[in-house]
Amino acid sequence: MRRGGERQPGSRSRRLLAPLAGVALLAIAVAERLRRRRRGEQTEGSRQMSETNKTISRRLVEEAFNQGKYDVIEELVAPTFVNHDPATGDMKGPQGAREQIELYRSAFPDLKITIEEQIAEGDLVATRWTAKGTHKGELMGIAPTGKESTVTGLTIDKIKDGKIVESWNNWDTLGMMRQLGAVPALATA
């Protein structure tokens, strides 16, 4: 306002433009984030979350499966955890995860799972892996054969609050059974 109670010209329009400019800047920032997401680019925060989630999945493989460190399961797996596996069916909670890991480690004491590749998006981590081991213990009713087995697979983990809440596994179960001699190979023509 000017002296004497008169308004300065344009002061009303400036008051209206300031909030509109803020909204416009916010819209530009949101549009840029959406553009990056569509192009597969990640923000620093989502990139850090993806790396953290990949580490959680990797630790379960490397420490629990490969090294037999079962105490890490409670740290990495949620109480509500569900594991979907074609060979064992659904197994629940940290105890179910432990039972599954013990099942495979007792059948293949020299089990070694190599992580070939990991991709993370949001709360999901896809891990492509190769498992190798010598069949020296019973596995789902199959007596030890002493044969080596190599299988490939893919696991998708859903992570919430720093713990795995659900896993979906898809691996070459038939290939493993054939390598162990539990299922005959198909005849070739």
Foldseek 3Di string as FASTA:
>chain_A
DDPPPDDDPPPVVVVVVVVVVVVVVVVVVVVVQVVCVVVVHDDPVQVVVQVLLVVLVVCCQCCCQQVVPLVCLVVAADQQEWEADPQPGIAGGSVSSNVVSCLVCQQFVNKHKDFPDWDGDDQKIKTKIKIKGFGCCDHPNDHHQRFIAIKIKMKMFGDDPRHTRYIYIDIDPVRRCCRSVVDPDDDDD
